[in-house]
Amino acid sequence: MSHQIIKSNKNTEKVCFNGHMYTKHYSTLIFDVWRCSKASSLKCPSKLKTSKTSITNNR
């Protein structure tokens, strides 16, 4: 389970994880929450939570 953080054309961060793209939804001091990049267009409910040490998929 590896991930890659990339910059989008709009200069925002995206995460590619297991072949799926996520955009940053919000951040805290401890973790970032990412949501599926198709959340609006395809009503994808998937979210991803990253911390300094691990990634968990909430869907």
PDB file of N, CA and C in Angstrom:
ATOM      1  N   MET A   1       0.839  -1.181   0.000  1.00  0.00           N
ATOM      2  CA  MET A   1       0.000   0.000   0.000  1.00  0.00           C
ATOM      3  C   MET A   1       0.884   1.244   0.000  1.00  0.00           C
ATOM      4  N   SER A   2       1.237   1.702  -1.171  1.00  0.00           N
ATOM      5  CA  SER A   2       2.053   2.898  -1.245  1.00  0.00           C
ATOM      6  C   SER A   2       1.237   4.040  -1.817  1.00  0.00           C
ATOM      7  N   HIS A   3       1.691   5.230  -1.538  1.00  0.00           N
ATOM      8  CA  HIS A   3       0.998   6.408  -2.024  1.00  0.00           C
ATOM      9  C   HIS A   3       2.002   7.377  -2.621  1.00  0.00           C
ATOM     10  N   GLN A   4       1.492   8.301  -3.406  1.00  0.00           N
ATOM     11  CA  GLN A   4       2.320   9.318  -4.013  1.00  0.00           C
ATOM     12  C   GLN A   4       1.559  10.641  -3.949  1.00  0.00           C
ATOM     13  N   ILE A   5       2.205  11.688  -3.453  1.00  0.00           N
ATOM     14  CA  ILE A   5       1.601  13.014  -3.411  1.00  0.00           C
ATOM     15  C   ILE A   5       2.102  13.793  -4.613  1.00  0.00           C
ATOM     16  N   ILE A   6       1.166  14.336  -5.386  1.00  0.00           N
ATOM     17  CA  ILE A   6       1.509  15.076  -6.594  1.00  0.00           C
ATOM     18  C   ILE A   6       0.826  16.439  -6.588  1.00  0.00           C
ATOM     19  N   LYS A   7       1.262  17.322  -7.451  1.00  0.00           N
ATOM     20  CA  LYS A   7       0.620  18.628  -7.630  1.00  0.00           C
ATOM     21  C   LYS A   7      -0.318  18.544  -8.823  1.00  0.00           C
ATOM     22  N   SER A   8      -1.511  19.111  -8.676  1.00  0.00           N
ATOM     23  CA  SER A   8      -2.487  19.120  -9.767  1.00  0.00           C
ATOM     24  C   SER A   8      -2.207  20.312 -10.688  1.00  0.00           C
ATOM     25  N   ASN A   9      -2.964  20.399 -11.764  1.00  0.00           N
ATOM     26  CA  ASN A   9      -2.839  21.529 -12.684  1.00  0.00           C
ATOM     27  C   ASN A   9      -3.200  22.846 -12.009  1.00  0.00           C
ATOM     28  N   LYS A  10      -4.017  22.788 -10.973  1.00  0.00           N
ATOM     29  CA  LYS A  10      -4.426  23.986 -10.231  1.00  0.00           C
ATOM     30  C   LYS A  10      -3.501  24.251  -9.048  1.00  0.00           C
ATOM     31  N   ASN A  11      -2.357  23.562  -9.020  1.00  0.00           N
ATOM     32  CA  ASN A  11      -1.322  23.715  -7.990  1.00  0.00           C
ATOM     33  C   ASN A  11      -1.795  23.323  -6.597  1.00  0.00           C
ATOM     34  N   THR A  12      -2.704  22.365  -6.507  1.00  0.00           N
ATOM     35  CA  THR A  12      -3.119  21.811  -5.220  1.00  0.00           C
ATOM     36  C   THR A  12      -2.556  20.396  -5.113  1.00  0.00           C
ATOM     37  N   GLU A  13      -2.462  19.892  -3.894  1.00  0.00           N
ATOM     38  CA  GLU A  13      -1.930  18.549  -3.689  1.00  0.00           C
ATOM     39  C   GLU A  13      -3.000  17.497  -3.926  1.00  0.00           C
ATOM     40  N   LYS A  14      -2.575  16.379  -4.504  1.00  0.00           N
ATOM     41  CA  LYS A  14      -3.419  15.207  -4.672  1.00  0.00           C
ATOM     42  C   LYS A  14      -2.634  13.995  -4.233  1.00  0.00           C
ATOM     43  N   VAL A  15      -3.344  12.979  -3.769  1.00  0.00           N
ATOM     44  CA  VAL A  15      -2.712  11.725  -3.388  1.00  0.00           C
ATOM     45  C   VAL A  15      -3.209  10.637  -4.328  1.00  0.00           C
ATOM     46  N   CYS A  16      -2.283   9.858  -4.838  1.00  0.00           N
ATOM     47  CA  CYS A  16      -2.626   8.672  -5.607  1.00  0.00           C
ATOM     48  C   CYS A  16      -2.373   7.474  -4.684  1.00  0.00           C
ATOM     49  N   PHE A  17      -3.427   6.731  -4.379  1.00  0.00           N
ATOM     50  CA  PHE A  17      -3.337   5.606  -3.445  1.00  0.00           C
ATOM     51  C   PHE A  17      -4.119   4.437  -4.012  1.00  0.00           C
ATOM     52  N   ASN A  18      -3.452   3.327  -4.235  1.00  0.00           N
ATOM     53  CA  ASN A  18      -4.068   2.118  -4.799  1.00  0.00           C
ATOM     54  C   ASN A  18      -4.814   2.402  -6.105  1.00  0.00           C
ATOM     55  N   GLY A  19      -4.264   3.284  -6.923  1.00  0.00           N
ATOM     56  CA  GLY A  19      -4.852   3.563  -8.222  1.00  0.00           C
ATOM     57  C   GLY A  19      -5.998   4.555  -8.215  1.00  0.00           C
ATOM     58  N   HIS A  20      -6.267   5.173  -7.072  1.00  0.00           N
ATOM     59  CA  HIS A  20      -7.355   6.144  -6.954  1.00  0.00           C
ATOM     60  C   HIS A  20      -6.779   7.499  -6.557  1.00  0.00           C
ATOM     61  N   MET A  21      -7.402   8.575  -7.047  1.00  0.00           N
ATOM     62  CA  MET A  21      -6.932   9.920  -6.757  1.00  0.00           C
ATOM     63  C   MET A  21      -7.800  10.573  -5.674  1.00  0.00           C
ATOM     64  N   TYR A  22      -7.146  11.298  -4.772  1.00  0.00           N
ATOM     65  CA  TYR A  22      -7.812  12.000  -3.682  1.00  0.00           C
ATOM     66  C   TYR A  22      -7.326  13.434  -3.628  1.00  0.00           C
ATOM     67  N   THR A  23      -8.216  14.366  -3.338  1.00  0.00           N
ATOM     68  CA  THR A  23      -7.851  15.766  -3.152  1.00  0.00           C
ATOM     69  C   THR A  23      -7.979  16.117  -1.672  1.00  0.00           C
ATOM     70  N   LYS A  24      -7.162  17.081  -1.231  1.00  0.00           N
ATOM     71  CA  LYS A  24      -7.166  17.430   0.196  1.00  0.00           C
ATOM     72  C   LYS A  24      -8.497  18.081   0.565  1.00  0.00           C
ATOM     73  N   HIS A  25      -9.145  17.521   1.593  1.00  0.00           N
ATOM     74  CA  HIS A  25     -10.437  18.029   2.066  1.00  0.00           C
ATOM     75  C   HIS A  25     -10.211  19.007   3.220  1.00  0.00           C
ATOM     76  N   TYR A  26      -9.415  18.597   4.226  1.00  0.00           N
ATOM     77  CA  TYR A  26      -9.032  19.491   5.313  1.00  0.00           C
ATOM     78  C   TYR A  26      -7.815  18.946   6.040  1.00  0.00           C
ATOM     79  N   SER A  27      -7.189  19.791   6.841  1.00  0.00           N
ATOM     80  CA  SER A  27      -5.979  19.419   7.588  1.00  0.00           C
ATOM     81  C   SER A  27      -6.123  19.783   9.050  1.00  0.00           C
ATOM     82  N   THR A  28      -5.457  19.007   9.893  1.00  0.00           N
ATOM     83  CA  THR A  28      -5.311  19.340  11.311  1.00  0.00           C
ATOM     84  C   THR A  28      -3.817  19.295  11.622  1.00  0.00           C
ATOM     85  N   LEU A  29      -3.460  19.513  12.859  1.00  0.00           N
ATOM     86  CA  LEU A  29      -2.050  19.444  13.232  1.00  0.00           C
ATOM     87  C   LEU A  29      -1.511  18.012  13.167  1.00  0.00           C
ATOM     88  N   ILE A  30      -2.390  17.026  13.289  1.00  0.00           N
ATOM     89  CA  ILE A  30      -1.982  15.627  13.371  1.00  0.00           C
ATOM     90  C   ILE A  30      -2.152  14.881  12.049  1.00  0.00           C
ATOM     91  N   PHE A  31      -3.182  15.218  11.278  1.00  0.00           N
ATOM     92  CA  PHE A  31      -3.464  14.465  10.058  1.00  0.00           C
ATOM     93  C   PHE A  31      -4.125  15.325   8.992  1.00  0.00           C
ATOM     94  N   ASP A  32      -4.165  14.780   7.773  1.00  0.00           N
ATOM     95  CA  ASP A  32      -4.885  15.371   6.646  1.00  0.00           C
ATOM     96  C   ASP A  32      -5.993  14.417   6.238  1.00  0.00           C
ATOM     97  N   VAL A  33      -7.127  14.962   5.830  1.00  0.00           N
ATOM     98  CA  VAL A  33      -8.216  14.140   5.303  1.00  0.00           C
ATOM     99  C   VAL A  33      -8.378  14.480   3.834  1.00  0.00           C
ATOM    100  N   TRP A  34      -8.379  13.444   3.010  1.00  0.00           N
ATOM    101  CA  TRP A  34      -8.492  13.578   1.569  1.00  0.00           C
ATOM    102  C   TRP A  34      -9.798  12.930   1.147  1.00  0.00           C
ATOM    103  N   ARG A  35     -10.440  13.474   0.116  1.00  0.00           N
ATOM    104  CA  ARG A  35     -11.649  12.827  -0.384  1.00  0.00           C
ATOM    105  C   ARG A  35     -11.444  12.463  -1.846  1.00  0.00           C
ATOM    106  N   CYS A  36     -12.204  11.510  -2.284  1.00  0.00           N
ATOM    107  CA  CYS A  36     -12.113  11.016  -3.649  1.00  0.00           C
ATOM    108  C   CYS A  36     -12.219  12.179  -4.629  1.00  0.00           C
ATOM    109  N   SER A  37     -11.366  12.195  -5.631  1.00  0.00           N
ATOM    110  CA  SER A  37     -11.400  13.289  -6.601  1.00  0.00           C
ATOM    111  C   SER A  37     -12.664  13.253  -7.457  1.00  0.00           C
ATOM    112  N   LYS A  38     -13.409  12.163  -7.403  1.00  0.00           N
ATOM    113  CA  LYS A  38     -14.671  12.036  -8.136  1.00  0.00           C
ATOM    114  C   LYS A  38     -15.874  12.218  -7.207  1.00  0.00           C
ATOM    115  N   ALA A  39     -15.654  12.825  -6.042  1.00  0.00           N
ATOM    116  CA  ALA A  39     -16.721  12.980  -5.047  1.00  0.00           C
ATOM    117  C   ALA A  39     -17.919  13.748  -5.587  1.00  0.00           C
ATOM    118  N   SER A  40     -17.667  14.800  -6.332  1.00  0.00           N
ATOM    119  CA  SER A  40     -18.783  15.602  -6.856  1.00  0.00           C
ATOM    120  C   SER A  40     -19.410  14.983  -8.090  1.00  0.00           C
ATOM    121  N   SER A  41     -18.567  14.597  -9.038  1.00  0.00           N
ATOM    122  CA  SER A  41     -19.105  14.126 -10.319  1.00  0.00           C
ATOM    123  C   SER A  41     -19.731  12.736 -10.238  1.00  0.00           C
ATOM    124  N   LEU A  42     -19.153  11.833  -9.454  1.00  0.00           N
ATOM    125  CA  LEU A  42     -19.672  10.463  -9.378  1.00  0.00           C
ATOM    126  C   LEU A  42     -20.233  10.109  -8.000  1.00  0.00           C
ATOM    127  N   LYS A  43     -20.317  11.112  -7.122  1.00  0.00           N
ATOM    128  CA  LYS A  43     -20.808  10.914  -5.752  1.00  0.00           C
ATOM    129  C   LYS A  43     -20.022   9.828  -5.013  1.00  0.00           C
ATOM    130  N   CYS A  44     -18.716   9.811  -5.234  1.00  0.00           N
ATOM    131  CA  CYS A  44     -17.829   8.848  -4.572  1.00  0.00           C
ATOM    132  C   CYS A  44     -17.690   9.223  -3.095  1.00  0.00           C
ATOM    133  N   PRO A  45     -18.010   8.325  -2.162  1.00  0.00           N
ATOM    134  CA  PRO A  45     -17.965   8.647  -0.739  1.00  0.00           C
ATOM    135  C   PRO A  45     -16.613   8.373  -0.068  1.00  0.00           C
ATOM    136  N   SER A  46     -15.662   7.870  -0.802  1.00  0.00           N
ATOM    137  CA  SER A  46     -14.401   7.431  -0.217  1.00  0.00           C
ATOM    138  C   SER A  46     -13.573   8.593   0.322  1.00  0.00           C
ATOM    139  N   LYS A  47     -12.952   8.368   1.496  1.00  0.00           N
ATOM    140  CA  LYS A  47     -12.047   9.342   2.103  1.00  0.00           C
ATOM    141  C   LYS A  47     -10.784   8.620   2.541  1.00  0.00           C
ATOM    142  N   LEU A  48      -9.718   9.383   2.666  1.00  0.00           N
ATOM    143  CA  LEU A  48      -8.419   8.856   3.045  1.00  0.00           C
ATOM    144  C   LEU A  48      -7.863   9.759   4.130  1.00  0.00           C
ATOM    145  N   LYS A  49      -7.286   9.173   5.165  1.00  0.00           N
ATOM    146  CA  LYS A  49      -6.727   9.951   6.266  1.00  0.00           C
ATOM    147  C   LYS A  49      -5.237   9.659   6.339  1.00  0.00           C
ATOM    148  N   THR A  50      -4.408  10.694   6.266  1.00  0.00           N
ATOM    149  CA  THR A  50      -2.962  10.502   6.344  1.00  0.00           C
ATOM    150  C   THR A  50      -2.415  11.181   7.590  1.00  0.00           C
ATOM    151  N   SER A  51      -1.447  10.538   8.194  1.00  0.00           N
ATOM    152  CA  SER A  51      -0.738  11.122   9.329  1.00  0.00           C
ATOM    153  C   SER A  51       0.752  11.044   9.021  1.00  0.00           C
ATOM    154  N   LYS A  52       1.556  11.377   9.975  1.00  0.00           N
ATOM    155  CA  LYS A  52       3.002  11.318   9.756  1.00  0.00           C
ATOM    156  C   LYS A  52       3.493   9.876   9.635  1.00  0.00           C
ATOM    157  N   THR A  53       2.700   8.922  10.113  1.00  0.00           N
ATOM    158  CA  THR A  53       3.191   7.548  10.143  1.00  0.00           C
ATOM    159  C   THR A  53       2.378   6.557   9.324  1.00  0.00           C
ATOM    160  N   SER A  54       1.116   6.863   8.977  1.00  0.00           N
ATOM    161  CA  SER A  54       0.311   5.847   8.298  1.00  0.00           C
ATOM    162  C   SER A  54      -0.812   6.448   7.463  1.00  0.00           C
ATOM    163  N   ILE A  55      -1.457   5.578   6.682  1.00  0.00           N
ATOM    164  CA  ILE A  55      -2.612   5.949   5.883  1.00  0.00           C
ATOM    165  C   ILE A  55      -3.722   4.969   6.206  1.00  0.00           C
ATOM    166  N   THR A  56      -4.945   5.475   6.395  1.00  0.00           N
ATOM    167  CA  THR A  56      -6.094   4.602   6.568  1.00  0.00           C
ATOM    168  C   THR A  56      -7.170   5.002   5.575  1.00  0.00           C
ATOM    169  N   ASN A  57      -7.782   4.023   4.963  1.00  0.00           N
ATOM    170  CA  ASN A  57      -8.848   4.268   4.006  1.00  0.00           C
ATOM    171  C   ASN A  57     -10.157   4.120   4.741  1.00  0.00           C
ATOM    172  N   ASN A  58     -10.983   5.160   4.759  1.00  0.00           N
ATOM    173  CA  ASN A  58     -12.232   5.146   5.522  1.00  0.00           C
ATOM    174  C   ASN A  58     -13.410   4.640   4.744  1.00  0.00           C
ATOM    175  N   ARG A  59     -13.215   3.997   3.628  1.00  0.00           N
ATOM    176  CA  ARG A  59     -14.328   3.462   2.862  1.00  0.00           C
ATOM    177  C   ARG A  59     -13.978   2.109   2.328  1.00  0.00           C
TER     178      ARG A  59
END
